[in-house]
Amino acid sequence: MALDSAITSRHLITYNDLADAAQIPAPHRIHKLTMWLESLIYEDHKSAKPLRAAWVVSRQRGQIPAPGFFIKCYEIGLYDGPVNGPQAAGFHQKLLAHHPG
């Protein structure tokens, strides 16, 4: 899958590029993708694995995930901060740095 390939190569992938690679059909393809990514966050956390969804980013947000990523991380107790800005970017970088790839 495209997400596994991005992680292995340690390259971020945008929501749009992942939706294309996964051939998610319209309408609401990005919404469908984000719903899957949010369930993946929960599954990875429950299994004590690095968050694979951290590798999926928004081109418009300076290469960090969309607000829903940070909200989901807050809901499961991993993050307690804003959905944008330096604190969010730092949290995101920390997740990427601790991912074995």
PDB file of N, CA and C in Angstrom:
ATOM      1  N   MET A   1       0.834  -1.188   0.000  1.00  0.00           N
ATOM      2  CA  MET A   1       0.000   0.000   0.000  1.00  0.00           C
ATOM      3  C   MET A   1       0.877   1.251   0.000  1.00  0.00           C
ATOM      4  N   ALA A   2       0.346   2.332  -0.505  1.00  0.00           N
ATOM      5  CA  ALA A   2       1.089   3.589  -0.630  1.00  0.00           C
ATOM      6  C   ALA A   2       1.545   4.126   0.719  1.00  0.00           C
ATOM      7  N   LEU A   3       0.747   3.956   1.749  1.00  0.00           N
ATOM      8  CA  LEU A   3       1.143   4.457   3.072  1.00  0.00           C
ATOM      9  C   LEU A   3       2.352   3.688   3.592  1.00  0.00           C
ATOM     10  N   ASP A   4       2.343   2.371   3.462  1.00  0.00           N
ATOM     11  CA  ASP A   4       3.492   1.568   3.896  1.00  0.00           C
ATOM     12  C   ASP A   4       4.745   1.939   3.114  1.00  0.00           C
ATOM     13  N   SER A   5       4.592   2.191   1.834  1.00  0.00           N
ATOM     14  CA  SER A   5       5.718   2.590   1.000  1.00  0.00           C
ATOM     15  C   SER A   5       6.287   3.936   1.446  1.00  0.00           C
ATOM     16  N   ALA A   6       5.403   4.882   1.762  1.00  0.00           N
ATOM     17  CA  ALA A   6       5.849   6.196   2.230  1.00  0.00           C
ATOM     18  C   ALA A   6       6.624   6.056   3.537  1.00  0.00           C
ATOM     19  N   ILE A   7       6.113   5.244   4.444  1.00  0.00           N
ATOM     20  CA  ILE A   7       6.778   5.058   5.740  1.00  0.00           C
ATOM     21  C   ILE A   7       8.139   4.400   5.547  1.00  0.00           C
ATOM     22  N   THR A   8       8.189   3.356   4.741  1.00  0.00           N
ATOM     23  CA  THR A   8       9.446   2.650   4.499  1.00  0.00           C
ATOM     24  C   THR A   8      10.501   3.571   3.902  1.00  0.00           C
ATOM     25  N   SER A   9      10.081   4.423   2.976  1.00  0.00           N
ATOM     26  CA  SER A   9      11.027   5.339   2.341  1.00  0.00           C
ATOM     27  C   SER A   9      11.219   6.623   3.143  1.00  0.00           C
ATOM     28  N   ARG A  10      10.466   6.749   4.245  1.00  0.00           N
ATOM     29  CA  ARG A  10      10.536   7.915   5.139  1.00  0.00           C
ATOM     30  C   ARG A  10      10.184   9.210   4.399  1.00  0.00           C
ATOM     31  N   HIS A  11       9.179   9.125   3.529  1.00  0.00           N
ATOM     32  CA  HIS A  11       8.670  10.288   2.805  1.00  0.00           C
ATOM     33  C   HIS A  11       7.219  10.518   3.189  1.00  0.00           C
ATOM     34  N   LEU A  12       6.891  11.741   3.474  1.00  0.00           N
ATOM     35  CA  LEU A  12       5.510  12.089   3.777  1.00  0.00           C
ATOM     36  C   LEU A  12       4.671  11.963   2.518  1.00  0.00           C
ATOM     37  N   ILE A  13       3.386  11.688   2.694  1.00  0.00           N
ATOM     38  CA  ILE A  13       2.463  11.591   1.569  1.00  0.00           C
ATOM     39  C   ILE A  13       1.258  12.473   1.879  1.00  0.00           C
ATOM     40  N   THR A  14       0.768  13.172   0.876  1.00  0.00           N
ATOM     41  CA  THR A  14      -0.382  14.052   1.105  1.00  0.00           C
ATOM     42  C   THR A  14      -1.676  13.240   1.101  1.00  0.00           C
ATOM     43  N   TYR A  15      -2.689  13.825   1.710  1.00  0.00           N
ATOM     44  CA  TYR A  15      -4.004  13.182   1.718  1.00  0.00           C
ATOM     45  C   TYR A  15      -4.455  12.888   0.286  1.00  0.00           C
ATOM     46  N   ASN A  16      -4.292  13.870  -0.588  1.00  0.00           N
ATOM     47  CA  ASN A  16      -4.727  13.709  -1.973  1.00  0.00           C
ATOM     48  C   ASN A  16      -3.963  12.594  -2.682  1.00  0.00           C
ATOM     49  N   ASP A  17      -2.649  12.565  -2.505  1.00  0.00           N
ATOM     50  CA  ASP A  17      -1.848  11.524  -3.155  1.00  0.00           C
ATOM     51  C   ASP A  17      -2.198  10.134  -2.624  1.00  0.00           C
ATOM     52  N   LEU A  18      -2.456  10.035  -1.316  1.00  0.00           N
ATOM     53  CA  LEU A  18      -2.837   8.740  -0.756  1.00  0.00           C
ATOM     54  C   LEU A  18      -4.222   8.319  -1.246  1.00  0.00           C
ATOM     55  N   ALA A  19      -5.141   9.268  -1.330  1.00  0.00           N
ATOM     56  CA  ALA A  19      -6.479   8.964  -1.855  1.00  0.00           C
ATOM     57  C   ALA A  19      -6.389   8.481  -3.298  1.00  0.00           C
ATOM     58  N   ASP A  20      -5.521   9.107  -4.094  1.00  0.00           N
ATOM     59  CA  ASP A  20      -5.306   8.666  -5.477  1.00  0.00           C
ATOM     60  C   ASP A  20      -4.735   7.254  -5.513  1.00  0.00           C
ATOM     61  N   ALA A  21      -3.683   7.018  -4.718  1.00  0.00           N
ATOM     62  CA  ALA A  21      -3.025   5.714  -4.720  1.00  0.00           C
ATOM     63  C   ALA A  21      -3.966   4.604  -4.247  1.00  0.00           C
ATOM     64  N   ALA A  22      -4.825   4.929  -3.287  1.00  0.00           N
ATOM     65  CA  ALA A  22      -5.766   3.940  -2.761  1.00  0.00           C
ATOM     66  C   ALA A  22      -7.023   3.828  -3.618  1.00  0.00           C
ATOM     67  N   GLN A  23      -7.109   4.669  -4.643  1.00  0.00           N
ATOM     68  CA  GLN A  23      -8.251   4.680  -5.557  1.00  0.00           C
ATOM     69  C   GLN A  23      -9.583   4.810  -4.808  1.00  0.00           C
ATOM     70  N   ILE A  24      -9.603   5.750  -3.863  1.00  0.00           N
ATOM     71  CA  ILE A  24     -10.831   6.013  -3.115  1.00  0.00           C
ATOM     72  C   ILE A  24     -11.771   6.799  -4.029  1.00  0.00           C
ATOM     73  N   PRO A  25     -12.975   6.303  -4.228  1.00  0.00           N
ATOM     74  CA  PRO A  25     -13.897   6.954  -5.157  1.00  0.00           C
ATOM     75  C   PRO A  25     -14.549   8.214  -4.581  1.00  0.00           C
ATOM     76  N   ALA A  26     -14.880   9.136  -5.462  1.00  0.00           N
ATOM     77  CA  ALA A  26     -15.670  10.305  -5.098  1.00  0.00           C
ATOM     78  C   ALA A  26     -17.099   9.829  -4.895  1.00  0.00           C
ATOM     79  N   PRO A  27     -17.942  10.529  -4.243  1.00  0.00           N
ATOM     80  CA  PRO A  27     -17.701  11.827  -3.604  1.00  0.00           C
ATOM     81  C   PRO A  27     -17.100  11.650  -2.205  1.00  0.00           C
ATOM     82  N   HIS A  28     -16.607  12.737  -1.665  1.00  0.00           N
ATOM     83  CA  HIS A  28     -16.077  12.802  -0.291  1.00  0.00           C
ATOM     84  C   HIS A  28     -14.893  11.873  -0.065  1.00  0.00           C
ATOM     85  N   ARG A  29     -14.047  11.748  -1.060  1.00  0.00           N
ATOM     86  CA  ARG A  29     -12.924  10.808  -0.956  1.00  0.00           C
ATOM     87  C   ARG A  29     -11.942  11.159   0.156  1.00  0.00           C
ATOM     88  N   ILE A  30     -11.670  12.445   0.369  1.00  0.00           N
ATOM     89  CA  ILE A  30     -10.746  12.822   1.437  1.00  0.00           C
ATOM     90  C   ILE A  30     -11.389  12.547   2.793  1.00  0.00           C
ATOM     91  N   HIS A  31     -12.684  12.782   2.898  1.00  0.00           N
ATOM     92  CA  HIS A  31     -13.388  12.458   4.146  1.00  0.00           C
ATOM     93  C   HIS A  31     -13.320  10.956   4.429  1.00  0.00           C
ATOM     94  N   LYS A  32     -13.524  10.150   3.408  1.00  0.00           N
ATOM     95  CA  LYS A  32     -13.431   8.693   3.570  1.00  0.00           C
ATOM     96  C   LYS A  32     -12.033   8.305   4.027  1.00  0.00           C
ATOM     97  N   LEU A  33     -11.030   8.927   3.437  1.00  0.00           N
ATOM     98  CA  LEU A  33      -9.645   8.639   3.809  1.00  0.00           C
ATOM     99  C   LEU A  33      -9.381   9.049   5.257  1.00  0.00           C
ATOM    100  N   THR A  34      -9.832  10.217   5.655  1.00  0.00           N
ATOM    101  CA  THR A  34      -9.559  10.678   7.018  1.00  0.00           C
ATOM    102  C   THR A  34     -10.284   9.805   8.047  1.00  0.00           C
ATOM    103  N   MET A  35     -11.458   9.324   7.722  1.00  0.00           N
ATOM    104  CA  MET A  35     -12.148   8.415   8.640  1.00  0.00           C
ATOM    105  C   MET A  35     -11.321   7.135   8.832  1.00  0.00           C
ATOM    106  N   TRP A  36     -10.761   6.620   7.757  1.00  0.00           N
ATOM    107  CA  TRP A  36      -9.914   5.429   7.853  1.00  0.00           C
ATOM    108  C   TRP A  36      -8.647   5.737   8.655  1.00  0.00           C
ATOM    109  N   LEU A  37      -8.038   6.896   8.396  1.00  0.00           N
ATOM    110  CA  LEU A  37      -6.821   7.263   9.121  1.00  0.00           C
ATOM    111  C   LEU A  37      -7.088   7.424  10.618  1.00  0.00           C
ATOM    112  N   GLU A  38      -8.233   7.982  10.967  1.00  0.00           N
ATOM    113  CA  GLU A  38      -8.571   8.130  12.381  1.00  0.00           C
ATOM    114  C   GLU A  38      -8.741   6.772  13.048  1.00  0.00           C
ATOM    115  N   SER A  39      -9.314   5.808  12.344  1.00  0.00           N
ATOM    116  CA  SER A  39      -9.430   4.469  12.924  1.00  0.00           C
ATOM    117  C   SER A  39      -8.047   3.820  13.028  1.00  0.00           C
ATOM    118  N   LEU A  40      -7.168   4.131  12.086  1.00  0.00           N
ATOM    119  CA  LEU A  40      -5.808   3.620  12.117  1.00  0.00           C
ATOM    120  C   LEU A  40      -5.040   4.178  13.322  1.00  0.00           C
ATOM    121  N   ILE A  41      -5.248   5.452  13.628  1.00  0.00           N
ATOM    122  CA  ILE A  41      -4.617   6.064  14.812  1.00  0.00           C
ATOM    123  C   ILE A  41      -5.017   5.283  16.057  1.00  0.00           C
ATOM    124  N   TYR A  42      -6.303   5.043  16.187  1.00  0.00           N
ATOM    125  CA  TYR A  42      -6.809   4.308  17.344  1.00  0.00           C
ATOM    126  C   TYR A  42      -6.203   2.903  17.406  1.00  0.00           C
ATOM    127  N   GLU A  43      -6.203   2.196  16.278  1.00  0.00           N
ATOM    128  CA  GLU A  43      -5.664   0.828  16.245  1.00  0.00           C
ATOM    129  C   GLU A  43      -4.180   0.807  16.586  1.00  0.00           C
ATOM    130  N   ASP A  44      -3.414   1.720  15.997  1.00  0.00           N
ATOM    131  CA  ASP A  44      -1.975   1.752  16.269  1.00  0.00           C
ATOM    132  C   ASP A  44      -1.704   2.052  17.740  1.00  0.00           C
ATOM    133  N   HIS A  45      -2.426   3.009  18.295  1.00  0.00           N
ATOM    134  CA  HIS A  45      -2.234   3.361  19.702  1.00  0.00           C
ATOM    135  C   HIS A  45      -2.607   2.188  20.612  1.00  0.00           C
ATOM    136  N   LYS A  46      -3.724   1.558  20.326  1.00  0.00           N
ATOM    137  CA  LYS A  46      -4.194   0.417  21.113  1.00  0.00           C
ATOM    138  C   LYS A  46      -3.176  -0.719  21.079  1.00  0.00           C
ATOM    139  N   SER A  47      -2.486  -0.873  19.948  1.00  0.00           N
ATOM    140  CA  SER A  47      -1.482  -1.925  19.784  1.00  0.00           C
ATOM    141  C   SER A  47      -0.078  -1.466  20.176  1.00  0.00           C
ATOM    142  N   ALA A  48       0.035  -0.251  20.706  1.00  0.00           N
ATOM    143  CA  ALA A  48       1.325   0.323  21.119  1.00  0.00           C
ATOM    144  C   ALA A  48       2.319   0.397  19.954  1.00  0.00           C
ATOM    145  N   LYS A  49       1.799   0.720  18.777  1.00  0.00           N
ATOM    146  CA  LYS A  49       2.631   0.865  17.584  1.00  0.00           C
ATOM    147  C   LYS A  49       2.768   2.344  17.235  1.00  0.00           C
ATOM    148  N   PRO A  50       3.817   2.717  16.495  1.00  0.00           N
ATOM    149  CA  PRO A  50       3.928   4.105  16.013  1.00  0.00           C
ATOM    150  C   PRO A  50       2.730   4.445  15.123  1.00  0.00           C
ATOM    151  N   LEU A  51       2.307   5.682  15.170  1.00  0.00           N
ATOM    152  CA  LEU A  51       1.137   6.103  14.398  1.00  0.00           C
ATOM    153  C   LEU A  51       1.474   6.249  12.924  1.00  0.00           C
ATOM    154  N   ARG A  52       0.986   5.330  12.128  1.00  0.00           N
ATOM    155  CA  ARG A  52       1.233   5.384  10.687  1.00  0.00           C
ATOM    156  C   ARG A  52       0.581   6.605  10.055  1.00  0.00           C
ATOM    157  N   ALA A  53      -0.518   7.064  10.602  1.00  0.00           N
ATOM    158  CA  ALA A  53      -1.227   8.221  10.044  1.00  0.00           C
ATOM    159  C   ALA A  53      -0.395   9.503  10.121  1.00  0.00           C
ATOM    160  N   ALA A  54       0.638   9.523  10.933  1.00  0.00           N
ATOM    161  CA  ALA A  54       1.498  10.713  11.044  1.00  0.00           C
ATOM    162  C   ALA A  54       2.215  11.019   9.729  1.00  0.00           C
ATOM    163  N   TRP A  55       2.327  10.034   8.864  1.00  0.00           N
ATOM    164  CA  TRP A  55       3.033  10.224   7.594  1.00  0.00           C
ATOM    165  C   TRP A  55       2.162  10.852   6.517  1.00  0.00           C
ATOM    166  N   VAL A  56       0.876  11.049   6.825  1.00  0.00           N
ATOM    167  CA  VAL A  56      -0.050  11.649   5.866  1.00  0.00           C
ATOM    168  C   VAL A  56      -0.265  13.104   6.261  1.00  0.00           C
ATOM    169  N   VAL A  57       0.043  13.997   5.326  1.00  0.00           N
ATOM    170  CA  VAL A  57       0.053  15.426   5.643  1.00  0.00           C
ATOM    171  C   VAL A  57      -0.759  16.240   4.650  1.00  0.00           C
ATOM    172  N   SER A  58      -1.027  17.446   5.071  1.00  0.00           N
ATOM    173  CA  SER A  58      -1.731  18.399   4.226  1.00  0.00           C
ATOM    174  C   SER A  58      -0.723  19.331   3.570  1.00  0.00           C
ATOM    175  N   ARG A  59      -0.796  19.434   2.284  1.00  0.00           N
ATOM    176  CA  ARG A  59       0.087  20.332   1.541  1.00  0.00           C
ATOM    177  C   ARG A  59      -0.140  21.783   1.968  1.00  0.00           C
ATOM    178  N   GLN A  60      -1.398  22.136   2.255  1.00  0.00           N
ATOM    179  CA  GLN A  60      -1.749  23.509   2.606  1.00  0.00           C
ATOM    180  C   GLN A  60      -1.377  23.872   4.039  1.00  0.00           C
ATOM    181  N   ARG A  61      -1.073  22.902   4.877  1.00  0.00           N
ATOM    182  CA  ARG A  61      -0.782  23.182   6.284  1.00  0.00           C
ATOM    183  C   ARG A  61       0.703  23.070   6.609  1.00  0.00           C
ATOM    184  N   GLY A  62       1.544  23.232   5.635  1.00  0.00           N
ATOM    185  CA  GLY A  62       2.972  23.192   5.914  1.00  0.00           C
ATOM    186  C   GLY A  62       3.496  21.809   6.240  1.00  0.00           C
ATOM    187  N   GLN A  63       2.961  20.805   5.581  1.00  0.00           N
ATOM    188  CA  GLN A  63       3.427  19.425   5.715  1.00  0.00           C
ATOM    189  C   GLN A  63       3.210  18.839   7.111  1.00  0.00           C
ATOM    190  N   ILE A  64       2.107  19.225   7.758  1.00  0.00           N
ATOM    191  CA  ILE A  64       1.682  18.541   8.972  1.00  0.00           C
ATOM    192  C   ILE A  64       0.272  18.004   8.714  1.00  0.00           C
ATOM    193  N   PRO A  65      -0.158  17.049   9.528  1.00  0.00           N
ATOM    194  CA  PRO A  65      -1.506  16.503   9.331  1.00  0.00           C
ATOM    195  C   PRO A  65      -2.604  17.547   9.556  1.00  0.00           C
ATOM    196  N   ALA A  66      -3.785  17.212   9.104  1.00  0.00           N
ATOM    197  CA  ALA A  66      -4.960  18.063   9.266  1.00  0.00           C
ATOM    198  C   ALA A  66      -5.385  18.082  10.742  1.00  0.00           C
ATOM    199  N   PRO A  67      -6.217  19.050  11.113  1.00  0.00           N
ATOM    200  CA  PRO A  67      -6.650  19.168  12.511  1.00  0.00           C
ATOM    201  C   PRO A  67      -7.225  17.878  13.108  1.00  0.00           C
ATOM    202  N   GLY A  68      -7.949  17.093  12.308  1.00  0.00           N
ATOM    203  CA  GLY A  68      -8.535  15.857  12.816  1.00  0.00           C
ATOM    204  C   GLY A  68      -7.515  14.891  13.391  1.00  0.00           C
ATOM    205  N   PHE A  69      -6.313  14.895  12.854  1.00  0.00           N
ATOM    206  CA  PHE A  69      -5.240  14.046  13.369  1.00  0.00           C
ATOM    207  C   PHE A  69      -4.933  14.414  14.812  1.00  0.00           C
ATOM    208  N   PHE A  70      -4.757  15.711  15.053  1.00  0.00           N
ATOM    209  CA  PHE A  70      -4.406  16.177  16.393  1.00  0.00           C
ATOM    210  C   PHE A  70      -5.574  16.002  17.365  1.00  0.00           C
ATOM    211  N   ILE A  71      -6.792  16.185  16.863  1.00  0.00           N
ATOM    212  CA  ILE A  71      -7.976  15.992  17.695  1.00  0.00           C
ATOM    213  C   ILE A  71      -8.084  14.525  18.122  1.00  0.00           C
ATOM    214  N   LYS A  72      -7.847  13.615  17.183  1.00  0.00           N
ATOM    215  CA  LYS A  72      -7.895  12.180  17.501  1.00  0.00           C
ATOM    216  C   LYS A  72      -6.792  11.821  18.500  1.00  0.00           C
ATOM    217  N   CYS A  73      -5.611  12.394  18.316  1.00  0.00           N
ATOM    218  CA  CYS A  73      -4.518  12.135  19.261  1.00  0.00           C
ATOM    219  C   CYS A  73      -4.863  12.655  20.651  1.00  0.00           C
ATOM    220  N   TYR A  74      -5.571  13.765  20.714  1.00  0.00           N
ATOM    221  CA  TYR A  74      -6.041  14.301  21.994  1.00  0.00           C
ATOM    222  C   TYR A  74      -7.058  13.340  22.616  1.00  0.00           C
ATOM    223  N   GLU A  75      -7.996  12.860  21.819  1.00  0.00           N
ATOM    224  CA  GLU A  75      -9.050  11.973  22.314  1.00  0.00           C
ATOM    225  C   GLU A  75      -8.497  10.692  22.922  1.00  0.00           C
ATOM    226  N   ILE A  76      -7.385  10.202  22.403  1.00  0.00           N
ATOM    227  CA  ILE A  76      -6.815   8.959  22.938  1.00  0.00           C
ATOM    228  C   ILE A  76      -5.709   9.219  23.949  1.00  0.00           C
ATOM    229  N   GLY A  77      -5.507  10.495  24.294  1.00  0.00           N
ATOM    230  CA  GLY A  77      -4.570  10.835  25.356  1.00  0.00           C
ATOM    231  C   GLY A  77      -3.115  10.987  24.958  1.00  0.00           C
ATOM    232  N   LEU A  78      -2.835  11.142  23.673  1.00  0.00           N
ATOM    233  CA  LEU A  78      -1.454  11.285  23.215  1.00  0.00           C
ATOM    234  C   LEU A  78      -0.988  12.726  23.106  1.00  0.00           C
ATOM    235  N   TYR A  79      -1.918  13.653  22.982  1.00  0.00           N
ATOM    236  CA  TYR A  79      -1.553  15.036  22.678  1.00  0.00           C
ATOM    237  C   TYR A  79      -2.519  15.969  23.382  1.00  0.00           C
ATOM    238  N   ASP A  80      -1.966  17.061  23.913  1.00  0.00           N
ATOM    239  CA  ASP A  80      -2.791  18.051  24.597  1.00  0.00           C
ATOM    240  C   ASP A  80      -2.325  19.441  24.182  1.00  0.00           C
ATOM    241  N   GLY A  81      -2.695  19.825  22.980  1.00  0.00           N
ATOM    242  CA  GLY A  81      -2.265  21.116  22.471  1.00  0.00           C
ATOM    243  C   GLY A  81      -3.114  21.553  21.303  1.00  0.00           C
ATOM    244  N   PRO A  82      -2.712  22.655  20.673  1.00  0.00           N
ATOM    245  CA  PRO A  82      -3.465  23.177  19.527  1.00  0.00           C
ATOM    246  C   PRO A  82      -3.290  22.292  18.291  1.00  0.00           C
ATOM    247  N   VAL A  83      -4.179  22.494  17.316  1.00  0.00           N
ATOM    248  CA  VAL A  83      -4.135  21.696  16.087  1.00  0.00           C
ATOM    249  C   VAL A  83      -3.204  22.292  15.040  1.00  0.00           C
ATOM    250  N   ASN A  84      -2.606  23.438  15.344  1.00  0.00           N
ATOM    251  CA  ASN A  84      -1.632  24.033  14.431  1.00  0.00           C
ATOM    252  C   ASN A  84      -0.599  24.809  15.229  1.00  0.00           C
ATOM    253  N   GLY A  85       0.396  25.319  14.533  1.00  0.00           N
ATOM    254  CA  GLY A  85       1.445  26.085  15.197  1.00  0.00           C
ATOM    255  C   GLY A  85       2.619  25.231  15.621  1.00  0.00           C
ATOM    256  N   PRO A  86       3.564  25.849  16.336  1.00  0.00           N
ATOM    257  CA  PRO A  86       4.808  25.164  16.703  1.00  0.00           C
ATOM    258  C   PRO A  86       4.624  23.924  17.575  1.00  0.00           C
ATOM    259  N   GLN A  87       3.666  23.955  18.491  1.00  0.00           N
ATOM    260  CA  GLN A  87       3.460  22.792  19.356  1.00  0.00           C
ATOM    261  C   GLN A  87       2.959  21.593  18.547  1.00  0.00           C
ATOM    262  N   ALA A  88       2.029  21.834  17.636  1.00  0.00           N
ATOM    263  CA  ALA A  88       1.523  20.760  16.787  1.00  0.00           C
ATOM    264  C   ALA A  88       2.637  20.229  15.877  1.00  0.00           C
ATOM    265  N   ALA A  89       3.405  21.128  15.291  1.00  0.00           N
ATOM    266  CA  ALA A  89       4.503  20.715  14.410  1.00  0.00           C
ATOM    267  C   ALA A  89       5.552  19.915  15.184  1.00  0.00           C
ATOM    268  N   GLY A  90       5.852  20.337  16.398  1.00  0.00           N
ATOM    269  CA  GLY A  90       6.824  19.616  17.219  1.00  0.00           C
ATOM    270  C   GLY A  90       6.343  18.221  17.589  1.00  0.00           C
ATOM    271  N   PHE A  91       5.069  18.103  17.952  1.00  0.00           N
ATOM    272  CA  PHE A  91       4.483  16.795  18.257  1.00  0.00           C
ATOM    273  C   PHE A  91       4.565  15.884  17.033  1.00  0.00           C
ATOM    274  N   HIS A  92       4.223  16.442  15.878  1.00  0.00           N
ATOM    275  CA  HIS A  92       4.264  15.672  14.632  1.00  0.00           C
ATOM    276  C   HIS A  92       5.689  15.199  14.345  1.00  0.00           C
ATOM    277  N   GLN A  93       6.656  16.087  14.463  1.00  0.00           N
ATOM    278  CA  GLN A  93       8.056  15.710  14.207  1.00  0.00           C
ATOM    279  C   GLN A  93       8.525  14.629  15.175  1.00  0.00           C
ATOM    280  N   LYS A  94       8.095  14.712  16.417  1.00  0.00           N
ATOM    281  CA  LYS A  94       8.464  13.697  17.407  1.00  0.00           C
ATOM    282  C   LYS A  94       7.909  12.330  17.015  1.00  0.00           C
ATOM    283  N   LEU A  95       6.671  12.300  16.537  1.00  0.00           N
ATOM    284  CA  LEU A  95       6.085  11.024  16.092  1.00  0.00           C
ATOM    285  C   LEU A  95       6.866  10.438  14.917  1.00  0.00           C
ATOM    286  N   LEU A  96       7.236  11.300  13.972  1.00  0.00           N
ATOM    287  CA  LEU A  96       7.991  10.812  12.818  1.00  0.00           C
ATOM    288  C   LEU A  96       9.370  10.304  13.222  1.00  0.00           C
ATOM    289  N   ALA A  97      10.021  11.004  14.132  1.00  0.00           N
ATOM    290  CA  ALA A  97      11.369  10.625  14.569  1.00  0.00           C
ATOM    291  C   ALA A  97      11.384   9.292  15.297  1.00  0.00           C
ATOM    292  N   HIS A  98      10.290   8.957  15.965  1.00  0.00           N
ATOM    293  CA  HIS A  98      10.234   7.708  16.729  1.00  0.00           C
ATOM    294  C   HIS A  98       9.617   6.563  15.959  1.00  0.00           C
ATOM    295  N   HIS A  99       9.422   6.766  14.660  1.00  0.00           N
ATOM    296  CA  HIS A  99       8.849   5.713  13.822  1.00  0.00           C
ATOM    297  C   HIS A  99       9.998   4.969  13.156  1.00  0.00           C
ATOM    298  N   PRO A 100      10.082   3.668  13.348  1.00  0.00           N
ATOM    299  CA  PRO A 100      11.223   2.922  12.803  1.00  0.00           C
ATOM    300  C   PRO A 100      11.298   2.891  11.283  1.00  0.00           C
ATOM    301  N   GLY A 101      10.166   3.114  10.604  1.00  0.00           N
ATOM    302  CA  GLY A 101      10.199   3.147   9.146  1.00  0.00           C
ATOM    303  C   GLY A 101      10.235   1.828   8.489  1.00  0.00           C
TER     304      GLY A 101
END
